[in-house]
PDB file of all heavy atoms in Angstrom:
ATOM      1  N   HIS A   1      69.440 352.240 155.544  1.00  0.00           N
ATOM      2  CA  HIS A   1      70.527 353.192 155.294  1.00  0.00           C
ATOM      3  C   HIS A   1      70.151 354.253 154.262  1.00  0.00           C
ATOM      4  O   HIS A   1      71.003 355.028 153.827  1.00  0.00           O
ATOM      5  CB  HIS A   1      71.780 352.451 154.836  1.00  0.00           C
ATOM      6  CG  HIS A   1      72.416 351.612 155.906  1.00  0.00           C
ATOM      7  ND1 HIS A   1      72.062 350.290 156.118  1.00  0.00           N
ATOM      8  CD2 HIS A   1      73.365 351.899 156.836  1.00  0.00           C
ATOM      9  CE1 HIS A   1      72.777 349.797 157.119  1.00  0.00           C
ATOM     10  NE2 HIS A   1      73.577 350.754 157.578  1.00  0.00           N
ATOM     11  N   GLY A   2      68.885 354.265 153.872  1.00  0.00           N
ATOM     12  CA  GLY A   2      68.425 355.289 152.941  1.00  0.00           C
ATOM     13  C   GLY A   2      68.984 355.159 151.545  1.00  0.00           C
ATOM     14  O   GLY A   2      69.062 356.153 150.806  1.00  0.00           O
ATOM     15  N   GLU A   3      69.361 353.963 151.154  1.00  0.00           N
ATOM     16  CA  GLU A   3      69.905 353.753 149.822  1.00  0.00           C
ATOM     17  C   GLU A   3      68.778 353.801 148.781  1.00  0.00           C
ATOM     18  O   GLU A   3      67.659 353.360 149.051  1.00  0.00           O
ATOM     19  CB  GLU A   3      70.601 352.394 149.733  1.00  0.00           C
ATOM     20  CG  GLU A   3      71.756 352.205 150.705  1.00  0.00           C
ATOM     21  CD  GLU A   3      72.950 353.050 150.332  1.00  0.00           C
ATOM     22  OE1 GLU A   3      73.019 353.517 149.176  1.00  0.00           O
ATOM     23  OE2 GLU A   3      73.824 353.248 151.198  1.00  0.00           O
ATOM     24  N   PRO A   4      69.055 354.316 147.590  1.00  0.00           N
ATOM     25  CA  PRO A   4      68.014 354.380 146.550  1.00  0.00           C
ATOM     26  C   PRO A   4      67.754 353.032 145.888  1.00  0.00           C
ATOM     27  O   PRO A   4      66.730 352.850 145.235  1.00  0.00           O
ATOM     28  CB  PRO A   4      68.591 355.376 145.540  1.00  0.00           C
ATOM     29  CG  PRO A   4      70.078 355.245 145.697  1.00  0.00           C
ATOM     30  CD  PRO A   4      70.308 354.982 147.167  1.00  0.00           C
ATOM     31  N   SER A   5      68.700 352.089 146.052  1.00  0.00           N
ATOM     32  CA  SER A   5      68.565 350.794 145.388  1.00  0.00           C
ATOM     33  C   SER A   5      69.343 349.745 146.167  1.00  0.00           C
ATOM     34  O   SER A   5      69.996 350.031 147.174  1.00  0.00           O
ATOM     35  CB  SER A   5      69.077 350.872 143.944  1.00  0.00           C
ATOM     36  OG  SER A   5      70.469 351.202 143.934  1.00  0.00           O
ATOM     37  N   TYR A   6      69.288 348.524 145.681  1.00  0.00           N
ATOM     38  CA  TYR A   6      70.003 347.412 146.296  1.00  0.00           C
ATOM     39  C   TYR A   6      70.339 346.402 145.199  1.00  0.00           C
ATOM     40  O   TYR A   6      69.756 346.437 144.112  1.00  0.00           O
ATOM     41  CB  TYR A   6      69.144 346.742 147.380  1.00  0.00           C
ATOM     42  CG  TYR A   6      67.841 346.197 146.852  1.00  0.00           C
ATOM     43  CD1 TYR A   6      67.756 344.910 146.317  1.00  0.00           C
ATOM     44  CD2 TYR A   6      66.684 346.984 146.854  1.00  0.00           C
ATOM     45  CE1 TYR A   6      66.558 344.426 145.799  1.00  0.00           C
ATOM     46  CE2 TYR A   6      65.486 346.503 146.350  1.00  0.00           C
ATOM     47  CZ  TYR A   6      65.434 345.228 145.825  1.00  0.00           C
ATOM     48  OH  TYR A   6      64.252 344.753 145.303  1.00  0.00           O
ATOM     49  N   GLU A   7      71.251 345.506 145.487  1.00  0.00           N
ATOM     50  CA  GLU A   7      71.545 344.422 144.551  1.00  0.00           C
ATOM     51  C   GLU A   7      72.114 343.237 145.315  1.00  0.00           C
ATOM     52  O   GLU A   7      72.723 343.397 146.377  1.00  0.00           O
ATOM     53  CB  GLU A   7      72.495 344.857 143.443  1.00  0.00           C
ATOM     54  CG  GLU A   7      73.903 345.214 143.881  1.00  0.00           C
ATOM     55  CD  GLU A   7      74.771 345.571 142.682  1.00  0.00           C
ATOM     56  OE1 GLU A   7      74.517 346.618 142.053  1.00  0.00           O
ATOM     57  OE2 GLU A   7      75.707 344.774 142.375  1.00  0.00           O
ATOM     58  N   PHE A   8      71.879 342.058 144.780  1.00  0.00           N
ATOM     59  CA  PHE A   8      72.409 340.848 145.383  1.00  0.00           C
ATOM     60  C   PHE A   8      72.375 339.726 144.351  1.00  0.00           C
ATOM     61  O   PHE A   8      71.723 339.838 143.306  1.00  0.00           O
ATOM     62  CB  PHE A   8      71.619 340.436 146.632  1.00  0.00           C
ATOM     63  CG  PHE A   8      70.140 340.259 146.412  1.00  0.00           C
ATOM     64  CD1 PHE A   8      69.624 339.071 145.909  1.00  0.00           C
ATOM     65  CD2 PHE A   8      69.257 341.282 146.728  1.00  0.00           C
ATOM     66  CE1 PHE A   8      68.258 338.919 145.715  1.00  0.00           C
ATOM     67  CE2 PHE A   8      67.889 341.137 146.540  1.00  0.00           C
ATOM     68  CZ  PHE A   8      67.391 339.949 146.027  1.00  0.00           C
ATOM     69  N   VAL A   9      73.073 338.647 144.656  1.00  0.00           N
ATOM     70  CA  VAL A   9      73.085 337.441 143.824  1.00  0.00           C
ATOM     71  C   VAL A   9      72.482 336.312 144.635  1.00  0.00           C
ATOM     72  O   VAL A   9      72.794 336.149 145.820  1.00  0.00           O
ATOM     73  CB  VAL A   9      74.522 337.079 143.392  1.00  0.00           C
ATOM     74  CG1 VAL A   9      74.548 335.716 142.700  1.00  0.00           C
ATOM     75  CG2 VAL A   9      75.090 338.149 142.477  1.00  0.00           C
ATOM     76  N   CYS A  10      71.607 335.528 144.014  1.00  0.00           N
ATOM     77  CA  CYS A  10      70.971 334.433 144.735  1.00  0.00           C
ATOM     78  C   CYS A  10      70.536 333.342 143.753  1.00  0.00           C
ATOM     79  O   CYS A  10      70.395 333.605 142.558  1.00  0.00           O
ATOM     80  CB  CYS A  10      69.765 334.933 145.533  1.00  0.00           C
ATOM     81  SG  CYS A  10      68.340 335.381 144.516  1.00  0.00           S
ATOM     82  N   PRO A  11      70.310 332.130 144.249  1.00  0.00           N
ATOM     83  CA  PRO A  11      69.757 331.084 143.389  1.00  0.00           C
ATOM     84  C   PRO A  11      68.262 331.300 143.195  1.00  0.00           C
ATOM     85  O   PRO A  11      67.588 331.864 144.057  1.00  0.00           O
ATOM     86  CB  PRO A  11      70.026 329.799 144.179  1.00  0.00           C
ATOM     87  CG  PRO A  11      70.052 330.239 145.601  1.00  0.00           C
ATOM     88  CD  PRO A  11      70.630 331.631 145.597  1.00  0.00           C
ATOM     89  N   MET A  12      67.728 330.874 142.057  1.00  0.00           N
ATOM     90  CA  MET A  12      66.291 330.956 141.804  1.00  0.00           C
ATOM     91  C   MET A  12      65.803 329.590 141.334  1.00  0.00           C
ATOM     92  O   MET A  12      66.326 329.051 140.358  1.00  0.00           O
ATOM     93  CB  MET A  12      65.974 332.002 140.734  1.00  0.00           C
ATOM     94  CG  MET A  12      64.473 332.237 140.559  1.00  0.00           C
ATOM     95  SD  MET A  12      64.083 333.473 139.292  1.00  0.00           S
ATOM     96  CE  MET A  12      64.093 332.438 137.823  1.00  0.00           C
ATOM     97  N   PRO A  13      64.834 329.002 142.036  1.00  0.00           N
ATOM     98  CA  PRO A  13      64.308 327.705 141.595  1.00  0.00           C
ATOM     99  C   PRO A  13      63.602 327.834 140.257  1.00  0.00           C
ATOM    100  O   PRO A  13      63.037 328.878 139.927  1.00  0.00           O
ATOM    101  CB  PRO A  13      63.329 327.324 142.711  1.00  0.00           C
ATOM    102  CG  PRO A  13      62.938 328.624 143.345  1.00  0.00           C
ATOM    103  CD  PRO A  13      64.147 329.509 143.233  1.00  0.00           C
ATOM    104  N   VAL A  14      63.630 326.762 139.498  1.00  0.00           N
ATOM    105  CA  VAL A  14      62.999 326.713 138.188  1.00  0.00           C
ATOM    106  C   VAL A  14      62.058 325.512 138.152  1.00  0.00           C
ATOM    107  O   VAL A  14      62.343 324.473 138.750  1.00  0.00           O
ATOM    108  CB  VAL A  14      64.060 326.595 137.062  1.00  0.00           C
ATOM    109  CG1 VAL A  14      63.398 326.444 135.705  1.00  0.00           C
ATOM    110  CG2 VAL A  14      64.974 327.807 137.078  1.00  0.00           C
ATOM    111  N   LYS A  15      60.957 325.663 137.479  1.00  0.00           N
ATOM    112  CA  LYS A  15      59.983 324.579 137.381  1.00  0.00           C
ATOM    113  C   LYS A  15      60.667 323.297 136.897  1.00  0.00           C
ATOM    114  O   LYS A  15      61.410 323.323 135.938  1.00  0.00           O
ATOM    115  CB  LYS A  15      58.862 324.966 136.411  1.00  0.00           C
ATOM    116  CG  LYS A  15      57.750 323.921 136.295  1.00  0.00           C
ATOM    117  CD  LYS A  15      56.671 324.380 135.333  1.00  0.00           C
ATOM    118  CE  LYS A  15      55.549 323.364 135.241  1.00  0.00           C
ATOM    119  NZ  LYS A  15      54.485 323.774 134.284  1.00  0.00           N
ATOM    120  N   GLY A  16      60.414 322.207 137.594  1.00  0.00           N
ATOM    121  CA  GLY A  16      61.036 320.947 137.237  1.00  0.00           C
ATOM    122  C   GLY A  16      62.094 320.503 138.222  1.00  0.00           C
ATOM    123  O   GLY A  16      62.588 319.382 138.155  1.00  0.00           O
ATOM    124  N   GLY A  17      62.492 321.417 139.148  1.00  0.00           N
ATOM    125  CA  GLY A  17      63.420 321.016 140.200  1.00  0.00           C
ATOM    126  C   GLY A  17      64.829 321.544 140.084  1.00  0.00           C
ATOM    127  O   GLY A  17      65.624 321.378 141.008  1.00  0.00           O
ATOM    128  N   SER A  18      65.187 322.178 138.965  1.00  0.00           N
ATOM    129  CA  SER A  18      66.536 322.727 138.838  1.00  0.00           C
ATOM    130  C   SER A  18      66.558 324.154 139.377  1.00  0.00           C
ATOM    131  O   SER A  18      65.580 324.638 139.947  1.00  0.00           O
ATOM    132  CB  SER A  18      66.994 322.688 137.380  1.00  0.00           C
ATOM    133  OG  SER A  18      66.135 323.451 136.569  1.00  0.00           O
ATOM    134  N   ARG A  19      67.639 324.836 139.184  1.00  0.00           N
ATOM    135  CA  ARG A  19      67.744 326.226 139.630  1.00  0.00           C
ATOM    136  C   ARG A  19      68.732 326.968 138.739  1.00  0.00           C
ATOM    137  O   ARG A  19      69.560 326.355 138.059  1.00  0.00           O
ATOM    138  CB  ARG A  19      68.199 326.310 141.090  1.00  0.00           C
ATOM    139  CG  ARG A  19      69.659 325.919 141.298  1.00  0.00           C
ATOM    140  CD  ARG A  19      70.093 326.079 142.727  1.00  0.00           C
ATOM    141  NE  ARG A  19      71.498 325.710 142.881  1.00  0.00           N
ATOM    142  CZ  ARG A  19      72.136 325.696 144.043  1.00  0.00           C
ATOM    143  NH1 ARG A  19      71.517 326.020 145.144  1.00  0.00           N
ATOM    144  NH2 ARG A  19      73.425 325.360 144.108  1.00  0.00           N
ATOM    145  N   ILE A  20      68.627 328.279 138.763  1.00  0.00           N
ATOM    146  CA  ILE A  20      69.593 329.129 138.094  1.00  0.00           C
ATOM    147  C   ILE A  20      70.102 330.151 139.110  1.00  0.00           C
ATOM    148  O   ILE A  20      69.562 330.256 140.216  1.00  0.00           O
ATOM    149  CB  ILE A  20      68.967 329.865 136.877  1.00  0.00           C
ATOM    150  CG1 ILE A  20      67.819 330.791 137.330  1.00  0.00           C
ATOM    151  CG2 ILE A  20      68.485 328.870 135.834  1.00  0.00           C
ATOM    152  CD1 ILE A  20      67.256 331.656 136.226  1.00  0.00           C
ATOM    153  N   TRP A  21      71.141 330.868 138.728  1.00  0.00           N
ATOM    154  CA  TRP A  21      71.655 331.945 139.576  1.00  0.00           C
ATOM    155  C   TRP A  21      71.329 333.281 138.910  1.00  0.00           C
ATOM    156  O   TRP A  21      71.496 333.425 137.697  1.00  0.00           O
ATOM    157  CB  TRP A  21      73.163 331.812 139.768  1.00  0.00           C
ATOM    158  CG  TRP A  21      73.520 330.727 140.726  1.00  0.00           C
ATOM    159  CD1 TRP A  21      73.740 329.412 140.441  1.00  0.00           C
ATOM    160  CD2 TRP A  21      73.676 330.861 142.142  1.00  0.00           C
ATOM    161  NE1 TRP A  21      74.016 328.705 141.589  1.00  0.00           N
ATOM    162  CE2 TRP A  21      73.995 329.567 142.643  1.00  0.00           C
ATOM    163  CE3 TRP A  21      73.589 331.934 143.029  1.00  0.00           C
ATOM    164  CZ2 TRP A  21      74.218 329.339 144.006  1.00  0.00           C
ATOM    165  CZ3 TRP A  21      73.812 331.701 144.386  1.00  0.00           C
ATOM    166  CH2 TRP A  21      74.128 330.420 144.862  1.00  0.00           C
ATOM    167  N   ILE A  22      70.848 334.222 139.701  1.00  0.00           N
ATOM    168  CA  ILE A  22      70.458 335.519 139.162  1.00  0.00           C
ATOM    169  C   ILE A  22      71.108 336.657 139.945  1.00  0.00           C
ATOM    170  O   ILE A  22      71.379 336.529 141.142  1.00  0.00           O
ATOM    171  CB  ILE A  22      68.920 335.708 139.175  1.00  0.00           C
ATOM    172  CG1 ILE A  22      68.371 335.568 140.599  1.00  0.00           C
ATOM    173  CG2 ILE A  22      68.253 334.718 138.230  1.00  0.00           C
ATOM    174  CD1 ILE A  22      66.881 335.874 140.722  1.00  0.00           C
ATOM    175  N   LYS A  23      71.367 337.740 139.232  1.00  0.00           N
ATOM    176  CA  LYS A  23      71.794 338.987 139.873  1.00  0.00           C
ATOM    177  C   LYS A  23      70.599 339.917 139.862  1.00  0.00           C
ATOM    178  O   LYS A  23      70.032 340.204 138.805  1.00  0.00           O
ATOM    179  CB  LYS A  23      72.962 339.631 139.134  1.00  0.00           C
ATOM    180  CG  LYS A  23      73.405 340.956 139.776  1.00  0.00           C
ATOM    181  CD  LYS A  23      74.590 341.572 139.053  1.00  0.00           C
ATOM    182  CE  LYS A  23      75.005 342.877 139.731  1.00  0.00           C
ATOM    183  NZ  LYS A  23      76.141 343.503 139.033  1.00  0.00           N
ATOM    184  N   VAL A  24      70.197 340.372 141.047  1.00  0.00           N
ATOM    185  CA  VAL A  24      69.000 341.199 141.196  1.00  0.00           C
ATOM    186  C   VAL A  24      69.401 342.629 141.539  1.00  0.00           C
ATOM    187  O   VAL A  24      70.231 342.859 142.417  1.00  0.00           O
ATOM    188  CB  VAL A  24      68.081 340.650 142.307  1.00  0.00           C
ATOM    189  CG1 VAL A  24      66.828 341.510 142.448  1.00  0.00           C
ATOM    190  CG2 VAL A  24      67.708 339.201 142.028  1.00  0.00           C
ATOM    191  N   VAL A  25      68.812 343.589 140.833  1.00  0.00           N
ATOM    192  CA  VAL A  25      68.988 345.005 141.139  1.00  0.00           C
ATOM    193  C   VAL A  25      67.599 345.603 141.326  1.00  0.00           C
ATOM    194  O   VAL A  25      66.762 345.532 140.426  1.00  0.00           O
ATOM    195  CB  VAL A  25      69.734 345.758 140.014  1.00  0.00           C
ATOM    196  CG1 VAL A  25      69.851 347.244 140.363  1.00  0.00           C
ATOM    197  CG2 VAL A  25      71.106 345.149 139.783  1.00  0.00           C
ATOM    198  N   GLY A  26      67.354 346.147 142.505  1.00  0.00           N
ATOM    199  CA  GLY A  26      66.054 346.733 142.798  1.00  0.00           C
ATOM    200  C   GLY A  26      66.164 348.226 143.051  1.00  0.00           C
ATOM    201  O   GLY A  26      67.168 348.699 143.591  1.00  0.00           O
ATOM    202  N   THR A  27      65.141 348.962 142.662  1.00  0.00           N
ATOM    203  CA  THR A  27      65.126 350.416 142.841  1.00  0.00           C
ATOM    204  C   THR A  27      63.852 350.818 143.575  1.00  0.00           C
ATOM    205  O   THR A  27      62.746 350.433 143.174  1.00  0.00           O
ATOM    206  CB  THR A  27      65.177 351.143 141.482  1.00  0.00           C
ATOM    207  OG1 THR A  27      66.352 350.729 140.771  1.00  0.00           O
ATOM    208  CG2 THR A  27      65.218 352.653 141.683  1.00  0.00           C
ATOM    209  N   PHE A  28      64.010 351.572 144.650  1.00  0.00           N
ATOM    210  CA  PHE A  28      62.852 352.068 145.397  1.00  0.00           C
ATOM    211  C   PHE A  28      62.218 353.234 144.643  1.00  0.00           C
ATOM    212  O   PHE A  28      62.911 354.000 143.962  1.00  0.00           O
ATOM    213  CB  PHE A  28      63.268 352.524 146.797  1.00  0.00           C
ATOM    214  CG  PHE A  28      63.917 351.429 147.614  1.00  0.00           C
ATOM    215  CD1 PHE A  28      65.257 351.493 147.954  1.00  0.00           C
ATOM    216  CD2 PHE A  28      63.182 350.330 148.039  1.00  0.00           C
ATOM    217  CE1 PHE A  28      65.857 350.500 148.694  1.00  0.00           C
ATOM    218  CE2 PHE A  28      63.768 349.326 148.787  1.00  0.00           C
ATOM    219  CZ  PHE A  28      65.114 349.408 149.117  1.00  0.00           C
ATOM    220  N   THR A  29      60.918 353.358 144.742  1.00  0.00           N
ATOM    221  CA  THR A  29      60.213 354.453 144.072  1.00  0.00           C
ATOM    222  C   THR A  29      59.290 355.156 145.066  1.00  0.00           C
ATOM    223  O   THR A  29      59.086 354.690 146.188  1.00  0.00           O
ATOM    224  CB  THR A  29      59.352 353.914 142.902  1.00  0.00           C
ATOM    225  OG1 THR A  29      58.200 353.238 143.445  1.00  0.00           O
ATOM    226  CG2 THR A  29      60.135 352.958 142.029  1.00  0.00           C
ATOM    227  N   LYS A  30      58.747 356.286 144.628  1.00  0.00           N
ATOM    228  CA  LYS A  30      57.754 357.001 145.431  1.00  0.00           C
ATOM    229  C   LYS A  30      56.333 356.545 145.098  1.00  0.00           C
ATOM    230  O   LYS A  30      55.369 357.008 145.681  1.00  0.00           O
ATOM    231  CB  LYS A  30      57.889 358.508 145.201  1.00  0.00           C
ATOM    232  CG  LYS A  30      59.220 359.087 145.686  1.00  0.00           C
ATOM    233  CD  LYS A  30      59.287 360.587 145.465  1.00  0.00           C
ATOM    234  CE  LYS A  30      60.612 361.149 145.979  1.00  0.00           C
ATOM    235  NZ  LYS A  30      60.715 362.628 145.763  1.00  0.00           N
ATOM    236  N   GLU A  31      56.256 355.631 144.139  1.00  0.00           N
ATOM    237  CA  GLU A  31      54.956 355.104 143.727  1.00  0.00           C
ATOM    238  C   GLU A  31      54.398 354.172 144.797  1.00  0.00           C
ATOM    239  O   GLU A  31      55.143 353.417 145.445  1.00  0.00           O
ATOM    240  CB  GLU A  31      55.119 354.348 142.406  1.00  0.00           C
ATOM    241  CG  GLU A  31      53.832 353.798 141.831  1.00  0.00           C
ATOM    242  CD  GLU A  31      54.066 353.037 140.531  1.00  0.00           C
ATOM    243  OE1 GLU A  31      55.189 353.118 139.999  1.00  0.00           O
ATOM    244  OE2 GLU A  31      53.129 352.364 140.067  1.00  0.00           O
ATOM    245  N   THR A  32      53.100 354.213 144.990  1.00  0.00           N
ATOM    246  CA  THR A  32      52.439 353.323 145.940  1.00  0.00           C
ATOM    247  C   THR A  32      51.177 352.739 145.320  1.00  0.00           C
ATOM    248  O   THR A  32      50.602 353.311 144.389  1.00  0.00           O
ATOM    249  CB  THR A  32      52.049 354.055 147.236  1.00  0.00           C
ATOM    250  OG1 THR A  32      51.118 355.104 146.933  1.00  0.00           O
ATOM    251  CG2 THR A  32      53.271 354.636 147.942  1.00  0.00           C
ATOM    252  N   VAL A  33      50.771 351.598 145.841  1.00  0.00           N
ATOM    253  CA  VAL A  33      49.499 350.975 145.472  1.00  0.00           C
ATOM    254  C   VAL A  33      48.756 350.693 146.772  1.00  0.00           C
ATOM    255  O   VAL A  33      49.204 349.886 147.585  1.00  0.00           O
ATOM    256  CB  VAL A  33      49.718 349.672 144.681  1.00  0.00           C
ATOM    257  CG1 VAL A  33      48.378 348.969 144.442  1.00  0.00           C
ATOM    258  CG2 VAL A  33      50.411 349.950 143.363  1.00  0.00           C
ATOM    259  N   GLU A  34      47.654 351.406 146.971  1.00  0.00           N
ATOM    260  CA  GLU A  34      46.882 351.303 148.211  1.00  0.00           C
ATOM    261  C   GLU A  34      47.781 351.517 149.427  1.00  0.00           C
ATOM    262  O   GLU A  34      47.691 350.807 150.442  1.00  0.00           O
ATOM    263  CB  GLU A  34      46.175 349.954 148.292  1.00  0.00           C
ATOM    264  CG  GLU A  34      45.149 349.747 147.176  1.00  0.00           C
ATOM    265  CD  GLU A  34      44.419 348.415 147.302  1.00  0.00           C
ATOM    266  OE1 GLU A  34      44.799 347.613 148.183  1.00  0.00           O
ATOM    267  OE2 GLU A  34      43.476 348.180 146.522  1.00  0.00           O
ATOM    268  N   GLY A  35      48.673 352.482 149.297  1.00  0.00           N
ATOM    269  CA  GLY A  35      49.552 352.851 150.406  1.00  0.00           C
ATOM    270  C   GLY A  35      50.801 352.018 150.553  1.00  0.00           C
ATOM    271  O   GLY A  35      51.632 352.289 151.421  1.00  0.00           O
ATOM    272  N   ILE A  36      50.972 350.990 149.711  1.00  0.00           N
ATOM    273  CA  ILE A  36      52.142 350.113 149.800  1.00  0.00           C
ATOM    274  C   ILE A  36      53.171 350.538 148.762  1.00  0.00           C
ATOM    275  O   ILE A  36      52.841 350.662 147.575  1.00  0.00           O
ATOM    276  CB  ILE A  36      51.753 348.636 149.574  1.00  0.00           C
ATOM    277  CG1 ILE A  36      50.693 348.209 150.583  1.00  0.00           C
ATOM    278  CG2 ILE A  36      52.983 347.741 149.678  1.00  0.00           C
ATOM    279  CD1 ILE A  36      50.174 346.803 150.359  1.00  0.00           C
ATOM    280  N   PRO A  37      54.436 350.777 149.164  1.00  0.00           N
ATOM    281  CA  PRO A  37      55.465 351.216 148.212  1.00  0.00           C
ATOM    282  C   PRO A  37      55.693 350.199 147.107  1.00  0.00           C
ATOM    283  O   PRO A  37      55.490 348.994 147.280  1.00  0.00           O
ATOM    284  CB  PRO A  37      56.713 351.364 149.088  1.00  0.00           C
ATOM    285  CG  PRO A  37      56.194 351.534 150.481  1.00  0.00           C
ATOM    286  CD  PRO A  37      54.940 350.714 150.547  1.00  0.00           C
ATOM    287  N   VAL A  38      56.146 350.711 145.961  1.00  0.00           N
ATOM    288  CA  VAL A  38      56.427 349.879 144.795  1.00  0.00           C
ATOM    289  C   VAL A  38      57.928 349.870 144.532  1.00  0.00           C
ATOM    290  O   VAL A  38      58.597 350.904 144.633  1.00  0.00           O
ATOM    291  CB  VAL A  38      55.674 350.401 143.554  1.00  0.00           C
ATOM    292  CG1 VAL A  38      56.126 349.661 142.298  1.00  0.00           C
ATOM    293  CG2 VAL A  38      54.172 350.258 143.746  1.00  0.00           C
TER     294      VAL A  38
END
């Protein structure tokens, strides 16, 4: 949809077998590494 960013909430595993909940916010950039977007 051509959005500049995204966000979501999800569980994240933690070493030892437990987990936490995180809110993730990601931003697309024009930067690339060997042709792969960052």
